[in-house]
Amino acid sequence: MKLLVILPNWLGDALMATPAIEALCEIYPDAKLTLVGSFVSLEALKHHPRCARACVDETKKGGNRLLNTCRFAKLLGPHDIAVTFRNQFYSSLLLRCTGTPITAARSSWHSRALVTHPVKPHHPSHLVEQYRDIAQALSPKPLKIGNLRLHIAPHRFERPTLGINPGATYGSAKRWYPEKFAEVARAFARDYDIVIFGGPNETQMAEDIEARLEGVKVANMAGKTSVQELCAYIGGLDLFITNDSGPMHVAAAYGVPTVAIFGPTRHLETSQWKNDKSLIVRHEMECAPCMKRECPLGHHECMKSITANEVIEAAKKII
């Protein structure tokens, strides 16, 4: 059994697709996975024991994307079944062009024309459940979804360790403030070593926090880890303070005690899935969730109004 899975591009969304992938593997115990996605999503998920191929989708790079998609489809070849978790014309076209006889995607004008099973997920619901609804079209039995899964061994820290994740790749509207992250870290510095995480474009933010923690033992890993290392380090934490981001979902996959700070995004749709040790800090706002990369009103009150003390108290509740 060959199963083709087109992953979401964002790390967090790809992780939220893992319960559906695991459920399909339960239904088809002999399935061999071909995973297609962004470099970041594949670096996290390619370690799955059923993964036979992991192919980065580079159809946007150079030349005509329609032709690139058709060529990529021929390279992938036909599978027994296939699903895309992207709601995108080119992903529907990719499934069609592979010649796979049974294909599933979120219902849209392009999927209704190009795949055999366009699915309209139940809504409103968590994104994990929406992905389950799409994958259900490939299964003769009900799919039972569990926790998020990563097949990367967690790192073992020598002492209790608090991770700080001030970034969020999607945009500045999802980011809390460095001075407030630093205040939270200092509140726990006596009992925890502090590790700051971040991507290559978030090093300045991490350095700002590090500078505010003079005299505190801090390991600044922003821009210094591979995706695999990032997952392993987060997996070994004793406490995690983060914005709504990909690393937040990494922590959920390992069941790490987490305080997640939400502002402009739909917390009921993208909060940590099945992590009993997590709490959300957010404020009800008339303008939220706006789902914008930057605050369209210019005041950013959904994040600015959240105090460090609120986050500290939430963290104390889960430790």
C-alpha atoms as a PDB file:
ATOM      1  CA  MET A   1       0.000   0.000   0.000  1.00  0.00           C
ATOM      2  CA  LYS A   2       1.470   3.336  -1.121  1.00  0.00           C
ATOM      3  CA  LEU A   3       0.024   6.426   0.571  1.00  0.00           C
ATOM      4  CA  LEU A   4       0.866   9.907  -0.717  1.00  0.00           C
ATOM      5  CA  VAL A   5       0.484  12.756   1.800  1.00  0.00           C
ATOM      6  CA  ILE A   6       0.872  16.411   0.867  1.00  0.00           C
ATOM      7  CA  LEU A   7       1.655  18.217   4.098  1.00  0.00           C
ATOM      8  CA  PRO A   8       0.774  21.794   5.042  1.00  0.00           C
ATOM      9  CA  ASN A   9       3.658  24.191   4.529  1.00  0.00           C
ATOM     10  CA  TRP A  10       3.764  25.596   8.078  1.00  0.00           C
ATOM     11  CA  LEU A  11       5.451  23.498  10.773  1.00  0.00           C
ATOM     12  CA  GLY A  12       2.556  23.833  13.216  1.00  0.00           C
ATOM     13  CA  ASP A  13      -0.061  22.899  10.612  1.00  0.00           C
ATOM     14  CA  ALA A  14       2.020  19.904   9.520  1.00  0.00           C
ATOM     15  CA  LEU A  15       2.146  18.703  13.127  1.00  0.00           C
ATOM     16  CA  MET A  16      -1.618  19.117  13.434  1.00  0.00           C
ATOM     17  CA  ALA A  17      -1.949  16.728  10.482  1.00  0.00           C
ATOM     18  CA  THR A  18      -0.039  13.967  12.295  1.00  0.00           C
ATOM     19  CA  PRO A  19      -3.031  12.483  14.160  1.00  0.00           C
ATOM     20  CA  ALA A  20      -4.789  11.941  10.818  1.00  0.00           C
ATOM     21  CA  ILE A  21      -1.641  10.398   9.328  1.00  0.00           C
ATOM     22  CA  GLU A  22      -1.206   8.077  12.302  1.00  0.00           C
ATOM     23  CA  ALA A  23      -4.871   7.073  12.082  1.00  0.00           C
ATOM     24  CA  LEU A  24      -4.491   6.156   8.406  1.00  0.00           C
ATOM     25  CA  CYS A  25      -1.421   4.087   9.285  1.00  0.00           C
ATOM     26  CA  GLU A  26      -3.542   2.207  11.816  1.00  0.00           C
ATOM     27  CA  ILE A  27      -6.145   1.434   9.156  1.00  0.00           C
ATOM     28  CA  TYR A  28      -3.476   0.459   6.615  1.00  0.00           C
ATOM     29  CA  PRO A  29      -0.725  -1.277   8.637  1.00  0.00           C
ATOM     30  CA  ASP A  30       1.303  -2.067   5.508  1.00  0.00           C
ATOM     31  CA  ALA A  31       1.234   1.528   4.238  1.00  0.00           C
ATOM     32  CA  LYS A  32       4.422   3.124   2.976  1.00  0.00           C
ATOM     33  CA  LEU A  33       4.300   6.899   3.148  1.00  0.00           C
ATOM     34  CA  THR A  34       5.446   9.373   0.544  1.00  0.00           C
ATOM     35  CA  LEU A  35       5.532  12.763   2.271  1.00  0.00           C
ATOM     36  CA  VAL A  36       5.530  15.942   0.197  1.00  0.00           C
ATOM     37  CA  GLY A  37       5.901  19.357   1.765  1.00  0.00           C
ATOM     38  CA  SER A  38       8.092  22.313   2.608  1.00  0.00           C
ATOM     39  CA  PHE A  39      11.650  21.739   3.802  1.00  0.00           C
ATOM     40  CA  VAL A  40      10.666  22.620   7.374  1.00  0.00           C
ATOM     41  CA  SER A  41       7.634  20.324   7.576  1.00  0.00           C
ATOM     42  CA  LEU A  42       9.559  17.414   6.071  1.00  0.00           C
ATOM     43  CA  GLU A  43      12.541  17.846   8.388  1.00  0.00           C
ATOM     44  CA  ALA A  44      10.157  17.337  11.299  1.00  0.00           C
ATOM     45  CA  LEU A  45       8.018  14.514   9.895  1.00  0.00           C
ATOM     46  CA  LYS A  46      10.374  12.500   7.675  1.00  0.00           C
ATOM     47  CA  HIS A  47      11.502  10.432  10.681  1.00  0.00           C
ATOM     48  CA  HIS A  48       8.196   8.560  10.729  1.00  0.00           C
ATOM     49  CA  PRO A  49       8.948   4.810  10.640  1.00  0.00           C
ATOM     50  CA  ARG A  50       6.546   4.350   7.712  1.00  0.00           C
ATOM     51  CA  CYS A  51       8.098   7.124   5.616  1.00  0.00           C
ATOM     52  CA  ALA A  52       9.589   5.624   2.452  1.00  0.00           C
ATOM     53  CA  ARG A  53      10.099   8.928   0.576  1.00  0.00           C
ATOM     54  CA  ALA A  54      10.242  12.575   1.603  1.00  0.00           C
ATOM     55  CA  CYS A  55      10.110  15.057  -1.284  1.00  0.00           C
ATOM     56  CA  VAL A  56      10.391  18.825  -0.956  1.00  0.00           C
ATOM     57  CA  ASP A  57       7.839  20.623  -3.124  1.00  0.00           C
ATOM     58  CA  GLU A  58       9.836  23.110  -5.178  1.00  0.00           C
ATOM     59  CA  THR A  59       7.267  23.670  -7.922  1.00  0.00           C
ATOM     60  CA  LYS A  60       7.198  27.417  -7.159  1.00  0.00           C
ATOM     61  CA  LYS A  61      10.877  27.780  -8.007  1.00  0.00           C
ATOM     62  CA  GLY A  62      11.701  28.833 -11.549  1.00  0.00           C
ATOM     63  CA  GLY A  63       9.743  28.374 -14.744  1.00  0.00           C
ATOM     64  CA  ASN A  64       6.046  27.668 -15.142  1.00  0.00           C
ATOM     65  CA  ARG A  65       4.428  26.280 -11.978  1.00  0.00           C
ATOM     66  CA  LEU A  66       1.814  24.344 -13.941  1.00  0.00           C
ATOM     67  CA  LEU A  67       4.526  22.522 -15.878  1.00  0.00           C
ATOM     68  CA  ASN A  68       6.632  22.105 -12.752  1.00  0.00           C
ATOM     69  CA  THR A  69       3.677  20.527 -10.950  1.00  0.00           C
ATOM     70  CA  CYS A  70       3.061  18.072 -13.787  1.00  0.00           C
ATOM     71  CA  ARG A  71       6.738  17.102 -13.863  1.00  0.00           C
ATOM     72  CA  PHE A  72       6.793  16.675 -10.081  1.00  0.00           C
ATOM     73  CA  ALA A  73       3.696  14.485 -10.271  1.00  0.00           C
ATOM     74  CA  LYS A  74       5.404  12.198 -12.781  1.00  0.00           C
ATOM     75  CA  LEU A  75       8.412  11.970 -10.479  1.00  0.00           C
ATOM     76  CA  LEU A  76       6.171  10.956  -7.578  1.00  0.00           C
ATOM     77  CA  GLY A  77       4.212   8.489  -9.680  1.00  0.00           C
ATOM     78  CA  PRO A  78       0.870   6.866  -8.864  1.00  0.00           C
ATOM     79  CA  HIS A  79       0.006   5.714  -5.353  1.00  0.00           C
ATOM     80  CA  ASP A  80      -2.864   3.609  -4.077  1.00  0.00           C
ATOM     81  CA  ILE A  81      -4.419   6.520  -2.207  1.00  0.00           C
ATOM     82  CA  ALA A  82      -3.464  10.163  -1.646  1.00  0.00           C
ATOM     83  CA  VAL A  83      -4.483  13.122   0.474  1.00  0.00           C
ATOM     84  CA  THR A  84      -3.535  16.779   0.535  1.00  0.00           C
ATOM     85  CA  PHE A  85      -3.884  18.865   3.671  1.00  0.00           C
ATOM     86  CA  ARG A  86      -3.311  22.049   1.683  1.00  0.00           C
ATOM     87  CA  ASN A  87      -6.267  23.987   0.348  1.00  0.00           C
ATOM     88  CA  GLN A  88      -4.512  24.990  -2.852  1.00  0.00           C
ATOM     89  CA  PHE A  89      -5.062  24.579  -6.588  1.00  0.00           C
ATOM     90  CA  TYR A  90      -1.576  23.224  -7.248  1.00  0.00           C
ATOM     91  CA  SER A  91      -1.846  20.538  -4.573  1.00  0.00           C
ATOM     92  CA  SER A  92      -5.141  19.331  -6.073  1.00  0.00           C
ATOM     93  CA  LEU A  93      -3.526  19.356  -9.507  1.00  0.00           C
ATOM     94  CA  LEU A  94      -0.546  17.426  -8.164  1.00  0.00           C
ATOM     95  CA  LEU A  95      -2.795  14.643  -6.878  1.00  0.00           C
ATOM     96  CA  ARG A  96      -4.634  14.467 -10.194  1.00  0.00           C
ATOM     97  CA  CYS A  97      -1.454  14.348 -12.252  1.00  0.00           C
ATOM     98  CA  THR A  98       0.095  11.490 -10.251  1.00  0.00           C
ATOM     99  CA  GLY A  99      -2.603   9.185 -11.607  1.00  0.00           C
ATOM    100  CA  THR A 100      -3.570   8.037  -8.108  1.00  0.00           C
ATOM    101  CA  PRO A 101      -7.079   6.518  -8.317  1.00  0.00           C
ATOM    102  CA  ILE A 102      -8.388   7.648  -4.887  1.00  0.00           C
ATOM    103  CA  THR A 103      -7.604  11.175  -3.739  1.00  0.00           C
ATOM    104  CA  ALA A 104      -8.932  13.467  -0.996  1.00  0.00           C
ATOM    105  CA  ALA A 105      -8.731  17.192  -0.297  1.00  0.00           C
ATOM    106  CA  ARG A 106     -10.651  19.979   1.397  1.00  0.00           C
ATOM    107  CA  SER A 107     -13.667  20.867  -0.737  1.00  0.00           C
ATOM    108  CA  SER A 108     -13.073  23.850  -3.040  1.00  0.00           C
ATOM    109  CA  TRP A 109     -13.648  24.739  -6.673  1.00  0.00           C
ATOM    110  CA  HIS A 110     -10.346  23.152  -7.692  1.00  0.00           C
ATOM    111  CA  SER A 111     -10.621  20.010  -5.563  1.00  0.00           C
ATOM    112  CA  ARG A 112     -14.144  19.362  -6.832  1.00  0.00           C
ATOM    113  CA  ALA A 113     -12.711  19.397 -10.346  1.00  0.00           C
ATOM    114  CA  LEU A 114      -9.486  17.510  -9.703  1.00  0.00           C
ATOM    115  CA  VAL A 115      -9.767  14.986  -6.843  1.00  0.00           C
ATOM    116  CA  THR A 116     -12.107  12.053  -6.327  1.00  0.00           C
ATOM    117  CA  HIS A 117     -13.134  12.962  -2.755  1.00  0.00           C
ATOM    118  CA  PRO A 118     -13.510  16.693  -2.035  1.00  0.00           C
ATOM    119  CA  VAL A 119     -14.442  16.931   1.646  1.00  0.00           C
ATOM    120  CA  LYS A 120     -16.092  19.725   3.599  1.00  0.00           C
ATOM    121  CA  PRO A 121     -14.854  19.341   7.211  1.00  0.00           C
ATOM    122  CA  HIS A 122     -17.123  19.979  10.160  1.00  0.00           C
ATOM    123  CA  HIS A 123     -16.826  23.591  11.242  1.00  0.00           C
ATOM    124  CA  PRO A 124     -16.143  25.191  13.626  1.00  0.00           C
ATOM    125  CA  SER A 125     -13.668  22.619  14.892  1.00  0.00           C
ATOM    126  CA  HIS A 126     -10.003  22.243  15.727  1.00  0.00           C
ATOM    127  CA  LEU A 127      -7.706  22.007  12.710  1.00  0.00           C
ATOM    128  CA  VAL A 128      -6.688  18.491  13.836  1.00  0.00           C
ATOM    129  CA  GLU A 129     -10.325  17.447  13.505  1.00  0.00           C
ATOM    130  CA  GLN A 130     -10.667  19.146  10.140  1.00  0.00           C
ATOM    131  CA  TYR A 131      -7.655  17.211   8.846  1.00  0.00           C
ATOM    132  CA  ARG A 132      -9.200  14.023  10.234  1.00  0.00           C
ATOM    133  CA  ASP A 133     -12.394  14.734   8.312  1.00  0.00           C
ATOM    134  CA  ILE A 134     -10.435  15.084   5.063  1.00  0.00           C
ATOM    135  CA  ALA A 135      -8.424  11.893   5.641  1.00  0.00           C
ATOM    136  CA  GLN A 136     -11.601  10.013   6.562  1.00  0.00           C
ATOM    137  CA  ALA A 137     -12.474   9.864   2.846  1.00  0.00           C
ATOM    138  CA  LEU A 138      -9.591   7.398   2.397  1.00  0.00           C
ATOM    139  CA  SER A 139     -10.687   5.001   5.135  1.00  0.00           C
ATOM    140  CA  PRO A 140     -13.465   2.390   5.189  1.00  0.00           C
ATOM    141  CA  LYS A 141     -13.498   2.635   9.003  1.00  0.00           C
ATOM    142  CA  PRO A 142     -13.853   5.640  11.328  1.00  0.00           C
ATOM    143  CA  LEU A 143     -10.493   7.271  11.985  1.00  0.00           C
ATOM    144  CA  LYS A 144      -9.614   7.550  15.662  1.00  0.00           C
ATOM    145  CA  ILE A 145      -7.263  10.454  16.230  1.00  0.00           C
ATOM    146  CA  GLY A 146      -4.854  10.696  19.132  1.00  0.00           C
ATOM    147  CA  ASN A 147      -2.086  13.082  20.112  1.00  0.00           C
ATOM    148  CA  LEU A 148       0.264  14.963  17.838  1.00  0.00           C
ATOM    149  CA  ARG A 149       3.244  12.753  17.013  1.00  0.00           C
ATOM    150  CA  LEU A 150       6.922  13.339  16.324  1.00  0.00           C
ATOM    151  CA  HIS A 151       9.361  10.485  15.884  1.00  0.00           C
ATOM    152  CA  ILE A 152      12.397  12.402  17.152  1.00  0.00           C
ATOM    153  CA  ALA A 153      13.895  11.467  20.515  1.00  0.00           C
ATOM    154  CA  PRO A 154      13.739  14.337  23.050  1.00  0.00           C
ATOM    155  CA  HIS A 155      16.943  15.882  24.358  1.00  0.00           C
ATOM    156  CA  ARG A 156      17.873  15.273  28.000  1.00  0.00           C
ATOM    157  CA  PHE A 157      18.808  18.454  29.849  1.00  0.00           C
ATOM    158  CA  GLU A 158      20.941  18.193  32.987  1.00  0.00           C
ATOM    159  CA  ARG A 159      18.689  20.501  35.032  1.00  0.00           C
ATOM    160  CA  PRO A 160      15.039  21.599  34.915  1.00  0.00           C
ATOM    161  CA  THR A 161      14.805  23.812  31.859  1.00  0.00           C
ATOM    162  CA  LEU A 162      12.427  26.567  30.773  1.00  0.00           C
ATOM    163  CA  GLY A 163      12.134  27.303  27.062  1.00  0.00           C
ATOM    164  CA  ILE A 164      11.201  30.741  25.740  1.00  0.00           C
ATOM    165  CA  ASN A 165       9.884  31.102  22.176  1.00  0.00           C
ATOM    166  CA  PRO A 166       9.322  34.787  21.340  1.00  0.00           C
ATOM    167  CA  GLY A 167       8.939  34.342  17.591  1.00  0.00           C
ATOM    168  CA  ALA A 168       6.116  33.426  15.240  1.00  0.00           C
ATOM    169  CA  THR A 169       6.932  33.028  11.566  1.00  0.00           C
ATOM    170  CA  TYR A 170       3.459  34.039  10.364  1.00  0.00           C
ATOM    171  CA  GLY A 171       3.870  37.693  11.355  1.00  0.00           C
ATOM    172  CA  SER A 172       4.446  40.303  14.043  1.00  0.00           C
ATOM    173  CA  ALA A 173       0.797  40.312  15.169  1.00  0.00           C
ATOM    174  CA  LYS A 174       1.297  36.900  16.813  1.00  0.00           C
ATOM    175  CA  ARG A 175       4.356  37.992  18.800  1.00  0.00           C
ATOM    176  CA  TRP A 176       4.335  38.997  22.443  1.00  0.00           C
ATOM    177  CA  TYR A 177       7.043  41.394  23.601  1.00  0.00           C
ATOM    178  CA  PRO A 178      10.724  40.626  24.409  1.00  0.00           C
ATOM    179  CA  GLU A 179      10.698  42.623  27.654  1.00  0.00           C
ATOM    180  CA  LYS A 180       7.700  40.630  28.891  1.00  0.00           C
ATOM    181  CA  PHE A 181       9.274  37.287  27.941  1.00  0.00           C
ATOM    182  CA  ALA A 182      12.386  38.376  29.828  1.00  0.00           C
ATOM    183  CA  GLU A 183      10.317  39.253  32.901  1.00  0.00           C
ATOM    184  CA  VAL A 184       8.737  35.795  32.860  1.00  0.00           C
ATOM    185  CA  ALA A 185      12.094  34.070  32.416  1.00  0.00           C
ATOM    186  CA  ARG A 186      13.616  36.000  35.318  1.00  0.00           C
ATOM    187  CA  ALA A 187      10.731  34.940  37.561  1.00  0.00           C
ATOM    188  CA  PHE A 188      11.688  31.276  37.075  1.00  0.00           C
ATOM    189  CA  ALA A 189      15.467  31.642  36.724  1.00  0.00           C
ATOM    190  CA  ARG A 190      16.210  30.424  40.254  1.00  0.00           C
ATOM    191  CA  ASP A 191      14.684  26.997  39.584  1.00  0.00           C
ATOM    192  CA  TYR A 192      15.191  26.604  35.840  1.00  0.00           C
ATOM    193  CA  ASP A 193      17.908  26.975  33.272  1.00  0.00           C
ATOM    194  CA  ILE A 194      16.657  29.244  30.471  1.00  0.00           C
ATOM    195  CA  VAL A 195      16.806  28.412  26.757  1.00  0.00           C
ATOM    196  CA  ILE A 196      15.708  30.900  24.099  1.00  0.00           C
ATOM    197  CA  PHE A 197      14.508  29.530  20.761  1.00  0.00           C
ATOM    198  CA  GLY A 198      13.974  31.229  17.429  1.00  0.00           C
ATOM    199  CA  GLY A 199      14.492  30.982  13.710  1.00  0.00           C
ATOM    200  CA  PRO A 200      17.222  32.657  11.648  1.00  0.00           C
ATOM    201  CA  ASN A 201      15.082  35.801  11.304  1.00  0.00           C
ATOM    202  CA  GLU A 202      14.357  36.002  15.029  1.00  0.00           C
ATOM    203  CA  THR A 203      17.889  36.304  16.411  1.00  0.00           C
ATOM    204  CA  GLN A 204      17.590  40.010  17.204  1.00  0.00           C
ATOM    205  CA  MET A 205      14.506  39.389  19.327  1.00  0.00           C
ATOM    206  CA  ALA A 206      16.285  36.557  21.154  1.00  0.00           C
ATOM    207  CA  GLU A 207      19.344  38.757  21.741  1.00  0.00           C
ATOM    208  CA  ASP A 208      17.098  41.459  23.182  1.00  0.00           C
ATOM    209  CA  ILE A 209      15.697  38.979  25.710  1.00  0.00           C
ATOM    210  CA  GLU A 210      19.168  37.639  26.523  1.00  0.00           C
ATOM    211  CA  ALA A 211      20.452  41.171  27.173  1.00  0.00           C
ATOM    212  CA  ARG A 212      17.604  41.774  29.624  1.00  0.00           C
ATOM    213  CA  LEU A 213      18.583  38.621  31.550  1.00  0.00           C
ATOM    214  CA  GLU A 214      22.051  39.723  32.612  1.00  0.00           C
ATOM    215  CA  GLY A 215      23.220  37.572  35.498  1.00  0.00           C
ATOM    216  CA  VAL A 216      20.897  34.696  34.561  1.00  0.00           C
ATOM    217  CA  LYS A 217      22.135  31.461  32.999  1.00  0.00           C
ATOM    218  CA  VAL A 218      20.764  31.606  29.445  1.00  0.00           C
ATOM    219  CA  ALA A 219      21.388  29.494  26.349  1.00  0.00           C
ATOM    220  CA  ASN A 220      20.420  31.459  23.246  1.00  0.00           C
ATOM    221  CA  MET A 221      19.747  28.926  20.481  1.00  0.00           C
ATOM    222  CA  ALA A 222      17.948  31.266  18.099  1.00  0.00           C
ATOM    223  CA  GLY A 223      19.119  30.606  14.557  1.00  0.00           C
ATOM    224  CA  LYS A 224      21.524  27.896  15.733  1.00  0.00           C
ATOM    225  CA  THR A 225      19.428  24.714  15.535  1.00  0.00           C
ATOM    226  CA  SER A 226      18.250  22.469  12.740  1.00  0.00           C
ATOM    227  CA  VAL A 227      14.549  21.576  12.675  1.00  0.00           C
ATOM    228  CA  GLN A 228      15.370  18.168  14.151  1.00  0.00           C
ATOM    229  CA  GLU A 229      17.442  19.730  16.942  1.00  0.00           C
ATOM    230  CA  LEU A 230      14.719  22.278  17.655  1.00  0.00           C
ATOM    231  CA  CYS A 231      12.165  19.490  18.099  1.00  0.00           C
ATOM    232  CA  ALA A 232      14.491  17.456  20.297  1.00  0.00           C
ATOM    233  CA  TYR A 233      15.341  20.409  22.567  1.00  0.00           C
ATOM    234  CA  ILE A 234      11.715  21.448  22.964  1.00  0.00           C
ATOM    235  CA  GLY A 235      10.798  17.830  23.668  1.00  0.00           C
ATOM    236  CA  GLY A 236      13.159  17.792  26.650  1.00  0.00           C
ATOM    237  CA  LEU A 237      11.853  20.946  28.339  1.00  0.00           C
ATOM    238  CA  ASP A 238      10.156  21.048  31.731  1.00  0.00           C
ATOM    239  CA  LEU A 239       8.250  24.260  30.924  1.00  0.00           C
ATOM    240  CA  PHE A 240       7.641  26.230  27.722  1.00  0.00           C
ATOM    241  CA  ILE A 241       6.429  29.811  27.230  1.00  0.00           C
ATOM    242  CA  THR A 242       5.513  30.536  23.633  1.00  0.00           C
ATOM    243  CA  ASN A 243       3.440  32.461  21.157  1.00  0.00           C
ATOM    244  CA  ASP A 244       0.982  30.645  18.889  1.00  0.00           C
ATOM    245  CA  SER A 245       3.594  29.089  16.609  1.00  0.00           C
ATOM    246  CA  GLY A 246       5.063  25.905  15.159  1.00  0.00           C
ATOM    247  CA  PRO A 247       7.217  25.284  18.263  1.00  0.00           C
ATOM    248  CA  MET A 248       4.037  25.462  20.371  1.00  0.00           C
ATOM    249  CA  HIS A 249       2.740  22.401  18.501  1.00  0.00           C
ATOM    250  CA  VAL A 250       6.123  20.676  18.820  1.00  0.00           C
ATOM    251  CA  ALA A 251       5.729  21.019  22.590  1.00  0.00           C
ATOM    252  CA  ALA A 252       2.234  19.542  22.363  1.00  0.00           C
ATOM    253  CA  ALA A 253       3.609  16.490  20.556  1.00  0.00           C
ATOM    254  CA  TYR A 254       5.853  15.807  23.569  1.00  0.00           C
ATOM    255  CA  GLY A 255       3.334  16.785  26.242  1.00  0.00           C
ATOM    256  CA  VAL A 256       5.572  19.585  27.532  1.00  0.00           C
ATOM    257  CA  PRO A 257       3.914  21.863  30.131  1.00  0.00           C
ATOM    258  CA  THR A 258       3.167  24.968  28.082  1.00  0.00           C
ATOM    259  CA  VAL A 259       1.769  28.457  28.443  1.00  0.00           C
ATOM    260  CA  ALA A 260       0.685  29.719  25.011  1.00  0.00           C
ATOM    261  CA  ILE A 261       0.030  33.416  24.384  1.00  0.00           C
ATOM    262  CA  PHE A 262      -2.699  34.089  21.830  1.00  0.00           C
ATOM    263  CA  GLY A 263      -3.767  37.356  20.244  1.00  0.00           C
ATOM    264  CA  PRO A 264      -4.969  37.633  16.640  1.00  0.00           C
ATOM    265  CA  THR A 265      -5.531  33.935  15.896  1.00  0.00           C
ATOM    266  CA  ARG A 266      -8.375  31.472  16.518  1.00  0.00           C
ATOM    267  CA  HIS A 267      -7.380  29.696  19.721  1.00  0.00           C
ATOM    268  CA  LEU A 268     -10.193  27.149  19.422  1.00  0.00           C
ATOM    269  CA  GLU A 269      -8.864  26.085  16.029  1.00  0.00           C
ATOM    270  CA  THR A 270      -5.094  26.070  16.559  1.00  0.00           C
ATOM    271  CA  SER A 271      -4.483  25.678  20.300  1.00  0.00           C
ATOM    272  CA  GLN A 272      -2.340  22.824  21.618  1.00  0.00           C
ATOM    273  CA  TRP A 273      -4.063  19.555  20.829  1.00  0.00           C
ATOM    274  CA  LYS A 274      -4.587  17.088  23.683  1.00  0.00           C
ATOM    275  CA  ASN A 275      -1.882  18.544  25.913  1.00  0.00           C
ATOM    276  CA  ASP A 276      -3.367  18.387  29.396  1.00  0.00           C
ATOM    277  CA  LYS A 277      -0.440  20.404  30.735  1.00  0.00           C
ATOM    278  CA  SER A 278      -1.127  23.513  28.680  1.00  0.00           C
ATOM    279  CA  LEU A 279      -2.872  26.819  29.345  1.00  0.00           C
ATOM    280  CA  ILE A 280      -3.748  29.690  27.027  1.00  0.00           C
ATOM    281  CA  VAL A 281      -3.373  33.331  28.018  1.00  0.00           C
ATOM    282  CA  ARG A 282      -5.477  35.656  25.883  1.00  0.00           C
ATOM    283  CA  HIS A 283      -7.831  38.635  26.172  1.00  0.00           C
ATOM    284  CA  GLU A 284     -11.260  38.949  24.602  1.00  0.00           C
ATOM    285  CA  MET A 285     -11.137  41.754  22.052  1.00  0.00           C
ATOM    286  CA  GLU A 286     -13.769  43.052  19.630  1.00  0.00           C
ATOM    287  CA  CYS A 287     -11.163  43.105  16.858  1.00  0.00           C
ATOM    288  CA  ALA A 288      -9.786  39.599  17.536  1.00  0.00           C
ATOM    289  CA  PRO A 289      -9.284  37.169  16.041  1.00  0.00           C
ATOM    290  CA  CYS A 290      -8.396  39.225  12.973  1.00  0.00           C
ATOM    291  CA  MET A 291      -6.034  36.579  11.508  1.00  0.00           C
ATOM    292  CA  LYS A 292      -3.763  39.318  10.156  1.00  0.00           C
ATOM    293  CA  ARG A 293       0.037  39.155   9.960  1.00  0.00           C
ATOM    294  CA  GLU A 294       0.275  42.698  11.338  1.00  0.00           C
ATOM    295  CA  CYS A 295      -2.214  44.569  13.500  1.00  0.00           C
ATOM    296  CA  PRO A 296      -4.535  46.321  10.995  1.00  0.00           C
ATOM    297  CA  LEU A 297      -5.523  48.928  13.617  1.00  0.00           C
ATOM    298  CA  GLY A 298      -1.975  49.714  14.666  1.00  0.00           C
ATOM    299  CA  HIS A 299      -2.490  49.286  18.430  1.00  0.00           C
ATOM    300  CA  HIS A 300      -1.812  45.521  18.890  1.00  0.00           C
ATOM    301  CA  GLU A 301      -3.809  45.548  22.127  1.00  0.00           C
ATOM    302  CA  CYS A 302      -4.630  41.834  21.867  1.00  0.00           C
ATOM    303  CA  MET A 303      -0.995  41.113  22.758  1.00  0.00           C
ATOM    304  CA  LYS A 304       0.145  44.371  24.351  1.00  0.00           C
ATOM    305  CA  SER A 305      -2.504  44.170  27.084  1.00  0.00           C
ATOM    306  CA  ILE A 306      -1.311  40.738  28.284  1.00  0.00           C
ATOM    307  CA  THR A 307       0.947  41.210  31.288  1.00  0.00           C
ATOM    308  CA  ALA A 308       3.975  39.202  32.335  1.00  0.00           C
ATOM    309  CA  ASN A 309       2.287  38.462  35.667  1.00  0.00           C
ATOM    310  CA  GLU A 310      -0.635  36.784  33.901  1.00  0.00           C
ATOM    311  CA  VAL A 311       1.769  34.441  32.127  1.00  0.00           C
ATOM    312  CA  ILE A 312       3.792  33.804  35.307  1.00  0.00           C
ATOM    313  CA  GLU A 313       0.654  32.851  37.224  1.00  0.00           C
ATOM    314  CA  ALA A 314      -0.491  30.555  34.411  1.00  0.00           C
ATOM    315  CA  ALA A 315       2.904  28.842  34.433  1.00  0.00           C
ATOM    316  CA  LYS A 316       2.718  28.303  38.192  1.00  0.00           C
ATOM    317  CA  LYS A 317      -0.624  26.557  37.758  1.00  0.00           C
ATOM    318  CA  ILE A 318       0.815  23.910  35.426  1.00  0.00           C
ATOM    319  CA  ILE A 319       4.023  23.193  37.332  1.00  0.00           C
END
